[in-house]
Amino acid sequence: MAAPSGMVATAAAAELPNAAEIRYVRETGAAVYRRAPVVERTRGFVFASAADGYGMCLRAPAKDDGFDHTLLVLQRRIVGSVSQVEDDAAILRRSADVAPCRGRTDWVSAR
């Protein structure tokens, strides 16, 4: 089965996301954290492989103290726009799922 037009499966895992992936993460962060004045993403992938996907973290200030984290897992590398039909990324928000995001220091603006 061929990969959807905007996504390409690849065995090689690059450390940094490309422009299309950064745009996708930025748009997803804006949707997840609609009311947050600041949204940040990790500079690179927190894990990257064809078997496990390509994980990037998002965070925004929590209502109380600290940050609210989200782990976004791309099933494959993105090389162009992604339609709703092609969009199969997982958005994980449970505390156990976002463990790889906590304690990181490589945060950059996602907006």
PDB file of N, CA and C in Angstrom:
ATOM      1  N   MET A   1       0.840  -1.179   0.000  1.00  0.00           N
ATOM      2  CA  MET A   1       0.000   0.000   0.000  1.00  0.00           C
ATOM      3  C   MET A   1       0.882   1.238   0.000  1.00  0.00           C
ATOM      4  N   ALA A   2       0.636   2.143  -0.883  1.00  0.00           N
ATOM      5  CA  ALA A   2       1.436   3.359  -0.990  1.00  0.00           C
ATOM      6  C   ALA A   2       1.065   4.337   0.112  1.00  0.00           C
ATOM      7  N   ALA A   3       2.041   5.123   0.509  1.00  0.00           N
ATOM      8  CA  ALA A   3       1.793   6.153   1.520  1.00  0.00           C
ATOM      9  C   ALA A   3       0.921   7.246   0.916  1.00  0.00           C
ATOM     10  N   PRO A   4       0.078   7.901   1.715  1.00  0.00           N
ATOM     11  CA  PRO A   4      -0.727   9.018   1.222  1.00  0.00           C
ATOM     12  C   PRO A   4       0.161  10.097   0.614  1.00  0.00           C
ATOM     13  N   SER A   5      -0.387  10.916  -0.250  1.00  0.00           N
ATOM     14  CA  SER A   5       0.390  11.886  -1.016  1.00  0.00           C
ATOM     15  C   SER A   5       1.225  12.834  -0.161  1.00  0.00           C
ATOM     16  N   GLY A   6       0.737  13.274   0.984  1.00  0.00           N
ATOM     17  CA  GLY A   6       1.472  14.219   1.813  1.00  0.00           C
ATOM     18  C   GLY A   6       2.430  13.573   2.785  1.00  0.00           C
ATOM     19  N   MET A   7       2.433  12.253   2.843  1.00  0.00           N
ATOM     20  CA  MET A   7       3.270  11.555   3.807  1.00  0.00           C
ATOM     21  C   MET A   7       4.073  10.472   3.099  1.00  0.00           C
ATOM     22  N   VAL A   8       5.306  10.296   3.526  1.00  0.00           N
ATOM     23  CA  VAL A   8       6.161   9.293   2.930  1.00  0.00           C
ATOM     24  C   VAL A   8       6.760   8.449   4.034  1.00  0.00           C
ATOM     25  N   ALA A   9       6.640   7.123   3.925  1.00  0.00           N
ATOM     26  CA  ALA A   9       7.241   6.228   4.902  1.00  0.00           C
ATOM     27  C   ALA A   9       8.739   6.163   4.638  1.00  0.00           C
ATOM     28  N   THR A  10       9.535   6.198   5.683  1.00  0.00           N
ATOM     29  CA  THR A  10      10.978   6.119   5.534  1.00  0.00           C
ATOM     30  C   THR A  10      11.571   5.393   6.723  1.00  0.00           C
ATOM     31  N   ALA A  11      12.585   4.589   6.473  1.00  0.00           N
ATOM     32  CA  ALA A  11      13.237   3.854   7.552  1.00  0.00           C
ATOM     33  C   ALA A  11      14.270   4.728   8.250  1.00  0.00           C
ATOM     34  N   ALA A  12      14.797   5.716   7.545  1.00  0.00           N
ATOM     35  CA  ALA A  12      15.811   6.584   8.135  1.00  0.00           C
ATOM     36  C   ALA A  12      15.142   7.620   9.022  1.00  0.00           C
ATOM     37  N   ALA A  13      15.600   7.727  10.237  1.00  0.00           N
ATOM     38  CA  ALA A  13      15.021   8.684  11.184  1.00  0.00           C
ATOM     39  C   ALA A  13      15.962   9.871  11.324  1.00  0.00           C
ATOM     40  N   ALA A  14      15.551  11.017  10.835  1.00  0.00           N
ATOM     41  CA  ALA A  14      16.346  12.230  10.993  1.00  0.00           C
ATOM     42  C   ALA A  14      16.056  12.817  12.368  1.00  0.00           C
ATOM     43  N   GLU A  15      17.026  13.487  12.929  1.00  0.00           N
ATOM     44  CA  GLU A  15      16.884  14.056  14.268  1.00  0.00           C
ATOM     45  C   GLU A  15      15.942  15.257  14.300  1.00  0.00           C
ATOM     46  N   LEU A  16      15.989  16.102  13.284  1.00  0.00           N
ATOM     47  CA  LEU A  16      15.188  17.322  13.291  1.00  0.00           C
ATOM     48  C   LEU A  16      14.019  17.226  12.318  1.00  0.00           C
ATOM     49  N   PRO A  17      12.880  17.813  12.688  1.00  0.00           N
ATOM     50  CA  PRO A  17      11.725  17.806  11.780  1.00  0.00           C
ATOM     51  C   PRO A  17      11.954  18.765  10.608  1.00  0.00           C
ATOM     52  N   ASN A  18      11.321  18.440   9.482  1.00  0.00           N
ATOM     53  CA  ASN A  18      11.414  19.319   8.315  1.00  0.00           C
ATOM     54  C   ASN A  18      10.346  20.417   8.411  1.00  0.00           C
ATOM     55  N   ALA A  19      10.314  21.313   7.430  1.00  0.00           N
ATOM     56  CA  ALA A  19       9.389  22.451   7.463  1.00  0.00           C
ATOM     57  C   ALA A  19       7.924  22.013   7.485  1.00  0.00           C
ATOM     58  N   ALA A  20       7.576  20.974   6.729  1.00  0.00           N
ATOM     59  CA  ALA A  20       6.187  20.490   6.700  1.00  0.00           C
ATOM     60  C   ALA A  20       5.786  19.926   8.062  1.00  0.00           C
ATOM     61  N   GLU A  21       6.699  19.219   8.720  1.00  0.00           N
ATOM     62  CA  GLU A  21       6.412  18.655  10.042  1.00  0.00           C
ATOM     63  C   GLU A  21       6.280  19.753  11.091  1.00  0.00           C
ATOM     64  N   ILE A  22       7.126  20.764  11.014  1.00  0.00           N
ATOM     65  CA  ILE A  22       7.033  21.889  11.949  1.00  0.00           C
ATOM     66  C   ILE A  22       5.697  22.600  11.771  1.00  0.00           C
ATOM     67  N   ARG A  23       5.282  22.818  10.533  1.00  0.00           N
ATOM     68  CA  ARG A  23       3.988  23.456  10.262  1.00  0.00           C
ATOM     69  C   ARG A  23       2.845  22.612  10.827  1.00  0.00           C
ATOM     70  N   TYR A  24       2.898  21.293  10.630  1.00  0.00           N
ATOM     71  CA  TYR A  24       1.855  20.393  11.132  1.00  0.00           C
ATOM     72  C   TYR A  24       1.792  20.448  12.662  1.00  0.00           C
ATOM     73  N   VAL A  25       2.950  20.409  13.311  1.00  0.00           N
ATOM     74  CA  VAL A  25       3.005  20.462  14.778  1.00  0.00           C
ATOM     75  C   VAL A  25       2.497  21.815  15.276  1.00  0.00           C
ATOM     76  N   ARG A  26       2.864  22.892  14.607  1.00  0.00           N
ATOM     77  CA  ARG A  26       2.394  24.234  14.983  1.00  0.00           C
ATOM     78  C   ARG A  26       0.870  24.316  14.889  1.00  0.00           C
ATOM     79  N   GLU A  27       0.300  23.808  13.794  1.00  0.00           N
ATOM     80  CA  GLU A  27      -1.154  23.848  13.616  1.00  0.00           C
ATOM     81  C   GLU A  27      -1.866  22.951  14.626  1.00  0.00           C
ATOM     82  N   THR A  28      -1.285  21.798  14.920  1.00  0.00           N
ATOM     83  CA  THR A  28      -1.879  20.903  15.917  1.00  0.00           C
ATOM     84  C   THR A  28      -1.816  21.541  17.300  1.00  0.00           C
ATOM     85  N   GLY A  29      -0.681  22.163  17.629  1.00  0.00           N
ATOM     86  CA  GLY A  29      -0.552  22.850  18.911  1.00  0.00           C
ATOM     87  C   GLY A  29      -1.572  23.963  19.071  1.00  0.00           C
ATOM     88  N   ALA A  30      -1.822  24.699  17.998  1.00  0.00           N
ATOM     89  CA  ALA A  30      -2.823  25.772  18.052  1.00  0.00           C
ATOM     90  C   ALA A  30      -4.215  25.205  18.293  1.00  0.00           C
ATOM     91  N   ALA A  31      -4.502  24.030  17.739  1.00  0.00           N
ATOM     92  CA  ALA A  31      -5.819  23.405  17.935  1.00  0.00           C
ATOM     93  C   ALA A  31      -5.957  22.819  19.339  1.00  0.00           C
ATOM     94  N   VAL A  32      -4.908  22.166  19.826  1.00  0.00           N
ATOM     95  CA  VAL A  32      -4.957  21.534  21.152  1.00  0.00           C
ATOM     96  C   VAL A  32      -5.001  22.589  22.251  1.00  0.00           C
ATOM     97  N   TYR A  33      -4.197  23.620  22.108  1.00  0.00           N
ATOM     98  CA  TYR A  33      -4.091  24.669  23.132  1.00  0.00           C
ATOM     99  C   TYR A  33      -4.687  25.977  22.600  1.00  0.00           C
ATOM    100  N   ARG A  34      -5.939  25.961  22.251  1.00  0.00           N
ATOM    101  CA  ARG A  34      -6.607  27.120  21.631  1.00  0.00           C
ATOM    102  C   ARG A  34      -6.470  28.405  22.436  1.00  0.00           C
ATOM    103  N   ARG A  35      -6.609  28.328  23.726  1.00  0.00           N
ATOM    104  CA  ARG A  35      -6.627  29.544  24.552  1.00  0.00           C
ATOM    105  C   ARG A  35      -5.276  29.878  25.183  1.00  0.00           C
ATOM    106  N   ALA A  36      -4.287  29.066  24.948  1.00  0.00           N
ATOM    107  CA  ALA A  36      -2.981  29.301  25.568  1.00  0.00           C
ATOM    108  C   ALA A  36      -2.250  30.442  24.862  1.00  0.00           C
ATOM    109  N   PRO A  37      -1.696  31.379  25.644  1.00  0.00           N
ATOM    110  CA  PRO A  37      -0.972  32.485  25.027  1.00  0.00           C
ATOM    111  C   PRO A  37       0.383  32.048  24.459  1.00  0.00           C
ATOM    112  N   VAL A  38       0.937  30.969  25.001  1.00  0.00           N
ATOM    113  CA  VAL A  38       2.246  30.473  24.583  1.00  0.00           C
ATOM    114  C   VAL A  38       2.149  28.971  24.363  1.00  0.00           C
ATOM    115  N   VAL A  39       2.635  28.502  23.213  1.00  0.00           N
ATOM    116  CA  VAL A  39       2.728  27.066  22.940  1.00  0.00           C
ATOM    117  C   VAL A  39       4.148  26.803  22.466  1.00  0.00           C
ATOM    118  N   GLU A  40       4.771  25.776  23.044  1.00  0.00           N
ATOM    119  CA  GLU A  40       6.137  25.417  22.667  1.00  0.00           C
ATOM    120  C   GLU A  40       6.171  23.982  22.172  1.00  0.00           C
ATOM    121  N   ARG A  41       7.208  23.661  21.369  1.00  0.00           N
ATOM    122  CA  ARG A  41       7.432  22.306  20.881  1.00  0.00           C
ATOM    123  C   ARG A  41       8.890  21.946  21.130  1.00  0.00           C
ATOM    124  N   THR A  42       9.173  20.661  21.132  1.00  0.00           N
ATOM    125  CA  THR A  42      10.572  20.260  21.227  1.00  0.00           C
ATOM    126  C   THR A  42      11.255  20.574  19.902  1.00  0.00           C
ATOM    127  N   ARG A  43      12.522  20.912  19.977  1.00  0.00           N
ATOM    128  CA  ARG A  43      13.288  21.270  18.779  1.00  0.00           C
ATOM    129  C   ARG A  43      13.372  20.091  17.817  1.00  0.00           C
ATOM    130  N   GLY A  44      13.542  18.900  18.365  1.00  0.00           N
ATOM    131  CA  GLY A  44      13.657  17.704  17.532  1.00  0.00           C
ATOM    132  C   GLY A  44      12.671  16.644  17.978  1.00  0.00           C
ATOM    133  N   PHE A  45      12.758  15.491  17.339  1.00  0.00           N
ATOM    134  CA  PHE A  45      11.905  14.369  17.717  1.00  0.00           C
ATOM    135  C   PHE A  45      12.375  13.794  19.050  1.00  0.00           C
ATOM    136  N   VAL A  46      11.453  13.363  19.894  1.00  0.00           N
ATOM    137  CA  VAL A  46      11.825  12.708  21.147  1.00  0.00           C
ATOM    138  C   VAL A  46      12.087  11.231  20.902  1.00  0.00           C
ATOM    139  N   PHE A  47      11.519  10.690  19.849  1.00  0.00           N
ATOM    140  CA  PHE A  47      11.878   9.373  19.325  1.00  0.00           C
ATOM    141  C   PHE A  47      11.539   9.380  17.849  1.00  0.00           C
ATOM    142  N   ALA A  48      12.294   8.595  17.075  1.00  0.00           N
ATOM    143  CA  ALA A  48      12.081   8.599  15.628  1.00  0.00           C
ATOM    144  C   ALA A  48      12.481   7.261  15.036  1.00  0.00           C
ATOM    145  N   SER A  49      11.487   6.514  14.568  1.00  0.00           N
ATOM    146  CA  SER A  49      11.747   5.268  13.850  1.00  0.00           C
ATOM    147  C   SER A  49      10.510   4.888  13.061  1.00  0.00           C
ATOM    148  N   ALA A  50      10.719   4.148  11.998  1.00  0.00           N
ATOM    149  CA  ALA A  50       9.586   3.699  11.187  1.00  0.00           C
ATOM    150  C   ALA A  50       8.676   2.777  11.994  1.00  0.00           C
ATOM    151  N   ALA A  51       9.231   2.066  12.963  1.00  0.00           N
ATOM    152  CA  ALA A  51       8.434   1.124  13.762  1.00  0.00           C
ATOM    153  C   ALA A  51       7.592   1.829  14.826  1.00  0.00           C
ATOM    154  N   ASP A  52       8.161   2.828  15.505  1.00  0.00           N
ATOM    155  CA  ASP A  52       7.480   3.492  16.622  1.00  0.00           C
ATOM    156  C   ASP A  52       6.822   4.810  16.249  1.00  0.00           C
ATOM    157  N   GLY A  53       7.160   5.355  15.104  1.00  0.00           N
ATOM    158  CA  GLY A  53       6.650   6.653  14.703  1.00  0.00           C
ATOM    159  C   GLY A  53       7.648   7.745  15.040  1.00  0.00           C
ATOM    160  N   TYR A  54       7.204   8.962  14.897  1.00  0.00           N
ATOM    161  CA  TYR A  54       8.055  10.133  15.079  1.00  0.00           C
ATOM    162  C   TYR A  54       7.367  11.043  16.086  1.00  0.00           C
ATOM    163  N   GLY A  55       7.897  11.068  17.311  1.00  0.00           N
ATOM    164  CA  GLY A  55       7.242  11.779  18.403  1.00  0.00           C
ATOM    165  C   GLY A  55       7.810  13.161  18.631  1.00  0.00           C
ATOM    166  N   MET A  56       6.927  14.125  18.780  1.00  0.00           N
ATOM    167  CA  MET A  56       7.309  15.479  19.166  1.00  0.00           C
ATOM    168  C   MET A  56       6.416  15.919  20.309  1.00  0.00           C
ATOM    169  N   CYS A  57       6.981  16.677  21.206  1.00  0.00           N
ATOM    170  CA  CYS A  57       6.228  17.155  22.363  1.00  0.00           C
ATOM    171  C   CYS A  57       5.779  18.593  22.153  1.00  0.00           C
ATOM    172  N   LEU A  58       4.623  18.884  22.712  1.00  0.00           N
ATOM    173  CA  LEU A  58       4.078  20.238  22.781  1.00  0.00           C
ATOM    174  C   LEU A  58       3.809  20.544  24.243  1.00  0.00           C
ATOM    175  N   ARG A  59       3.874  21.817  24.606  1.00  0.00           N
ATOM    176  CA  ARG A  59       3.489  22.193  25.964  1.00  0.00           C
ATOM    177  C   ARG A  59       2.966  23.620  25.972  1.00  0.00           C
ATOM    178  N   ALA A  60       2.132  23.871  26.972  1.00  0.00           N
ATOM    179  CA  ALA A  60       1.589  25.210  27.221  1.00  0.00           C
ATOM    180  C   ALA A  60       1.472  25.358  28.730  1.00  0.00           C
ATOM    181  N   PRO A  61       1.498  26.585  29.229  1.00  0.00           N
ATOM    182  CA  PRO A  61       1.356  26.775  30.673  1.00  0.00           C
ATOM    183  C   PRO A  61       0.050  26.161  31.179  1.00  0.00           C
ATOM    184  N   ALA A  62       0.143  25.457  32.305  1.00  0.00           N
ATOM    185  CA  ALA A  62      -1.042  24.853  32.925  1.00  0.00           C
ATOM    186  C   ALA A  62      -1.797  25.918  33.711  1.00  0.00           C
ATOM    187  N   LYS A  63      -3.056  25.635  34.008  1.00  0.00           N
ATOM    188  CA  LYS A  63      -3.872  26.590  34.774  1.00  0.00           C
ATOM    189  C   LYS A  63      -3.275  26.842  36.147  1.00  0.00           C
ATOM    190  N   ASP A  64      -2.800  25.794  36.791  1.00  0.00           N
ATOM    191  CA  ASP A  64      -2.218  25.935  38.122  1.00  0.00           C
ATOM    192  C   ASP A  64      -0.747  26.309  37.994  1.00  0.00           C
ATOM    193  N   ASP A  65       0.119  25.320  38.144  1.00  0.00           N
ATOM    194  CA  ASP A  65       1.555  25.540  38.088  1.00  0.00           C
ATOM    195  C   ASP A  65       2.154  24.577  37.076  1.00  0.00           C
ATOM    196  N   GLY A  66       3.252  24.935  36.485  1.00  0.00           N
ATOM    197  CA  GLY A  66       3.918  24.032  35.560  1.00  0.00           C
ATOM    198  C   GLY A  66       3.348  24.104  34.153  1.00  0.00           C
ATOM    199  N   PHE A  67       3.412  22.957  33.448  1.00  0.00           N
ATOM    200  CA  PHE A  67       3.005  22.908  32.052  1.00  0.00           C
ATOM    201  C   PHE A  67       2.072  21.744  31.780  1.00  0.00           C
ATOM    202  N   ASP A  68       1.245  21.917  30.776  1.00  0.00           N
ATOM    203  CA  ASP A  68       0.394  20.862  30.239  1.00  0.00           C
ATOM    204  C   ASP A  68       1.118  20.334  29.000  1.00  0.00           C
ATOM    205  N   HIS A  69       1.429  19.035  28.984  1.00  0.00           N
ATOM    206  CA  HIS A  69       2.190  18.431  27.888  1.00  0.00           C
ATOM    207  C   HIS A  69       1.311  17.579  26.980  1.00  0.00           C
ATOM    208  N   THR A  70       1.706  17.505  25.719  1.00  0.00           N
ATOM    209  CA  THR A  70       1.071  16.649  24.722  1.00  0.00           C
ATOM    210  C   THR A  70       2.171  15.976  23.923  1.00  0.00           C
ATOM    211  N   LEU A  71       2.014  14.679  23.652  1.00  0.00           N
ATOM    212  CA  LEU A  71       2.935  13.952  22.782  1.00  0.00           C
ATOM    213  C   LEU A  71       2.213  13.704  21.470  1.00  0.00           C
ATOM    214  N   LEU A  72       2.750  14.224  20.392  1.00  0.00           N
ATOM    215  CA  LEU A  72       2.189  14.061  19.056  1.00  0.00           C
ATOM    216  C   LEU A  72       3.038  13.023  18.327  1.00  0.00           C
ATOM    217  N   VAL A  73       2.419  11.917  17.915  1.00  0.00           N
ATOM    218  CA  VAL A  73       3.153  10.840  17.246  1.00  0.00           C
ATOM    219  C   VAL A  73       2.722  10.768  15.784  1.00  0.00           C
ATOM    220  N   LEU A  74       3.653  11.116  14.903  1.00  0.00           N
ATOM    221  CA  LEU A  74       3.428  10.992  13.466  1.00  0.00           C
ATOM    222  C   LEU A  74       3.714   9.548  13.070  1.00  0.00           C
ATOM    223  N   GLN A  75       2.889   8.962  12.253  1.00  0.00           N
ATOM    224  CA  GLN A  75       3.089   7.576  11.837  1.00  0.00           C
ATOM    225  C   GLN A  75       4.201   7.453  10.803  1.00  0.00           C
ATOM    226  N   ARG A  76       4.471   8.541  10.097  1.00  0.00           N
ATOM    227  CA  ARG A  76       5.516   8.578   9.082  1.00  0.00           C
ATOM    228  C   ARG A  76       5.947  10.027   8.907  1.00  0.00           C
ATOM    229  N   ARG A  77       7.076  10.229   8.238  1.00  0.00           N
ATOM    230  CA  ARG A  77       7.553  11.581   7.976  1.00  0.00           C
ATOM    231  C   ARG A  77       6.592  12.294   7.033  1.00  0.00           C
ATOM    232  N   ILE A  78       6.387  13.584   7.236  1.00  0.00           N
ATOM    233  CA  ILE A  78       5.509  14.404   6.410  1.00  0.00           C
ATOM    234  C   ILE A  78       6.370  15.188   5.423  1.00  0.00           C
ATOM    235  N   VAL A  79       5.936  15.206   4.168  1.00  0.00           N
ATOM    236  CA  VAL A  79       6.689  15.958   3.160  1.00  0.00           C
ATOM    237  C   VAL A  79       5.853  17.031   2.475  1.00  0.00           C
ATOM    238  N   GLY A  80       4.587  17.126   2.776  1.00  0.00           N
ATOM    239  CA  GLY A  80       3.713  18.130   2.164  1.00  0.00           C
ATOM    240  C   GLY A  80       2.498  18.348   3.038  1.00  0.00           C
ATOM    241  N   SER A  81       1.458  18.892   2.449  1.00  0.00           N
ATOM    242  CA  SER A  81       0.234  19.099   3.226  1.00  0.00           C
ATOM    243  C   SER A  81      -0.435  17.758   3.512  1.00  0.00           C
ATOM    244  N   VAL A  82      -1.194  17.706   4.599  1.00  0.00           N
ATOM    245  CA  VAL A  82      -1.859  16.478   5.035  1.00  0.00           C
ATOM    246  C   VAL A  82      -3.360  16.740   5.078  1.00  0.00           C
ATOM    247  N   SER A  83      -4.118  15.976   4.306  1.00  0.00           N
ATOM    248  CA  SER A  83      -5.573  16.134   4.330  1.00  0.00           C
ATOM    249  C   SER A  83      -6.141  15.449   5.567  1.00  0.00           C
ATOM    250  N   GLN A  84      -7.387  15.741   5.886  1.00  0.00           N
ATOM    251  CA  GLN A  84      -8.027  15.087   7.033  1.00  0.00           C
ATOM    252  C   GLN A  84      -8.093  13.581   6.841  1.00  0.00           C
ATOM    253  N   VAL A  85      -8.266  13.133   5.620  1.00  0.00           N
ATOM    254  CA  VAL A  85      -8.335  11.695   5.334  1.00  0.00           C
ATOM    255  C   VAL A  85      -6.994  11.030   5.619  1.00  0.00           C
ATOM    256  N   GLU A  86      -5.899  11.715   5.304  1.00  0.00           N
ATOM    257  CA  GLU A  86      -4.557  11.166   5.485  1.00  0.00           C
ATOM    258  C   GLU A  86      -4.039  11.298   6.913  1.00  0.00           C
ATOM    259  N   ASP A  87      -4.653  12.138   7.707  1.00  0.00           N
ATOM    260  CA  ASP A  87      -4.145  12.459   9.040  1.00  0.00           C
ATOM    261  C   ASP A  87      -4.371  11.301  10.005  1.00  0.00           C
ATOM    262  N   ASP A  88      -3.289  10.577  10.318  1.00  0.00           N
ATOM    263  CA  ASP A  88      -3.387   9.457  11.256  1.00  0.00           C
ATOM    264  C   ASP A  88      -2.438   9.630  12.445  1.00  0.00           C
ATOM    265  N   ALA A  89      -2.060  10.870  12.730  1.00  0.00           N
ATOM    266  CA  ALA A  89      -1.199  11.138  13.883  1.00  0.00           C
ATOM    267  C   ALA A  89      -1.975  10.894  15.173  1.00  0.00           C
ATOM    268  N   ALA A  90      -1.253  10.449  16.197  1.00  0.00           N
ATOM    269  CA  ALA A  90      -1.858  10.226  17.515  1.00  0.00           C
ATOM    270  C   ALA A  90      -1.526  11.414  18.413  1.00  0.00           C
ATOM    271  N   ILE A  91      -2.525  11.899  19.132  1.00  0.00           N
ATOM    272  CA  ILE A  91      -2.347  12.994  20.086  1.00  0.00           C
ATOM    273  C   ILE A  91      -2.543  12.397  21.472  1.00  0.00           C
ATOM    274  N   LEU A  92      -1.456  12.291  22.233  1.00  0.00           N
ATOM    275  CA  LEU A  92      -1.477  11.637  23.545  1.00  0.00           C
ATOM    276  C   LEU A  92      -1.331  12.687  24.639  1.00  0.00           C
ATOM    277  N   ARG A  93      -2.201  12.591  25.660  1.00  0.00           N
ATOM    278  CA  ARG A  93      -2.194  13.603  26.719  1.00  0.00           C
ATOM    279  C   ARG A  93      -2.135  13.012  28.122  1.00  0.00           C
ATOM    280  N   ARG A  94      -2.278  11.681  28.244  1.00  0.00           N
ATOM    281  CA  ARG A  94      -2.234  11.072  29.585  1.00  0.00           C
ATOM    282  C   ARG A  94      -0.852  11.263  30.202  1.00  0.00           C
ATOM    283  N   SER A  95      -0.815  11.337  31.505  1.00  0.00           N
ATOM    284  CA  SER A  95       0.435  11.577  32.223  1.00  0.00           C
ATOM    285  C   SER A  95       1.515  10.557  31.855  1.00  0.00           C
ATOM    286  N   ALA A  96       1.153   9.287  31.799  1.00  0.00           N
ATOM    287  CA  ALA A  96       2.133   8.248  31.464  1.00  0.00           C
ATOM    288  C   ALA A  96       2.629   8.394  30.026  1.00  0.00           C
ATOM    289  N   ASP A  97       1.760   8.817  29.126  1.00  0.00           N
ATOM    290  CA  ASP A  97       2.132   8.954  27.715  1.00  0.00           C
ATOM    291  C   ASP A  97       3.085  10.114  27.471  1.00  0.00           C
ATOM    292  N   VAL A  98       2.960  11.176  28.250  1.00  0.00           N
ATOM    293  CA  VAL A  98       3.787  12.364  28.025  1.00  0.00           C
ATOM    294  C   VAL A  98       5.059  12.366  28.872  1.00  0.00           C
ATOM    295  N   ALA A  99       5.368  11.255  29.517  1.00  0.00           N
ATOM    296  CA  ALA A  99       6.582  11.163  30.335  1.00  0.00           C
ATOM    297  C   ALA A  99       7.843  11.568  29.564  1.00  0.00           C
ATOM    298  N   PRO A 100       7.991  11.191  28.268  1.00  0.00           N
ATOM    299  CA  PRO A 100       9.199  11.607  27.543  1.00  0.00           C
ATOM    300  C   PRO A 100       9.303  13.123  27.359  1.00  0.00           C
ATOM    301  N   CYS A 101       8.220  13.837  27.578  1.00  0.00           N
ATOM    302  CA  CYS A 101       8.204  15.289  27.366  1.00  0.00           C
ATOM    303  C   CYS A 101       8.652  16.068  28.597  1.00  0.00           C
ATOM    304  N   ARG A 102       8.400  15.526  29.760  1.00  0.00           N
ATOM    305  CA  ARG A 102       8.735  16.232  30.995  1.00  0.00           C
ATOM    306  C   ARG A 102      10.244  16.247  31.203  1.00  0.00           C
ATOM    307  N   GLY A 103      10.760  17.330  31.700  1.00  0.00           N
ATOM    308  CA  GLY A 103      12.185  17.411  32.007  1.00  0.00           C
ATOM    309  C   GLY A 103      13.062  17.756  30.810  1.00  0.00           C
ATOM    310  N   ARG A 104      12.479  17.946  29.648  1.00  0.00           N
ATOM    311  CA  ARG A 104      13.275  18.302  28.470  1.00  0.00           C
ATOM    312  C   ARG A 104      13.659  19.779  28.544  1.00  0.00           C
ATOM    313  N   THR A 105      14.735  20.132  27.860  1.00  0.00           N
ATOM    314  CA  THR A 105      15.196  21.517  27.864  1.00  0.00           C
ATOM    315  C   THR A 105      15.271  22.118  26.458  1.00  0.00           C
ATOM    316  N   ASP A 106      14.861  21.368  25.445  1.00  0.00           N
ATOM    317  CA  ASP A 106      15.002  21.823  24.053  1.00  0.00           C
ATOM    318  C   ASP A 106      13.709  22.411  23.487  1.00  0.00           C
ATOM    319  N   TRP A 107      13.048  23.285  24.258  1.00  0.00           N
ATOM    320  CA  TRP A 107      11.774  23.865  23.847  1.00  0.00           C
ATOM    321  C   TRP A 107      11.985  25.108  22.994  1.00  0.00           C
ATOM    322  N   VAL A 108      11.192  25.222  21.929  1.00  0.00           N
ATOM    323  CA  VAL A 108      11.181  26.412  21.073  1.00  0.00           C
ATOM    324  C   VAL A 108       9.723  26.800  20.838  1.00  0.00           C
ATOM    325  N   SER A 109       9.495  28.023  20.414  1.00  0.00           N
ATOM    326  CA  SER A 109       8.129  28.478  20.163  1.00  0.00           C
ATOM    327  C   SER A 109       7.486  27.653  19.051  1.00  0.00           C
ATOM    328  N   ALA A 110       6.225  27.306  19.243  1.00  0.00           N
ATOM    329  CA  ALA A 110       5.485  26.561  18.220  1.00  0.00           C
ATOM    330  C   ALA A 110       4.567  27.487  17.437  1.00  0.00           C
ATOM    331  N   ARG A 111       4.627  28.757  17.669  1.00  0.00           N
ATOM    332  CA  ARG A 111       3.735  29.703  16.972  1.00  0.00           C
ATOM    333  C   ARG A 111       4.483  30.534  15.979  1.00  0.00           C
TER     334      ARG A 111
END
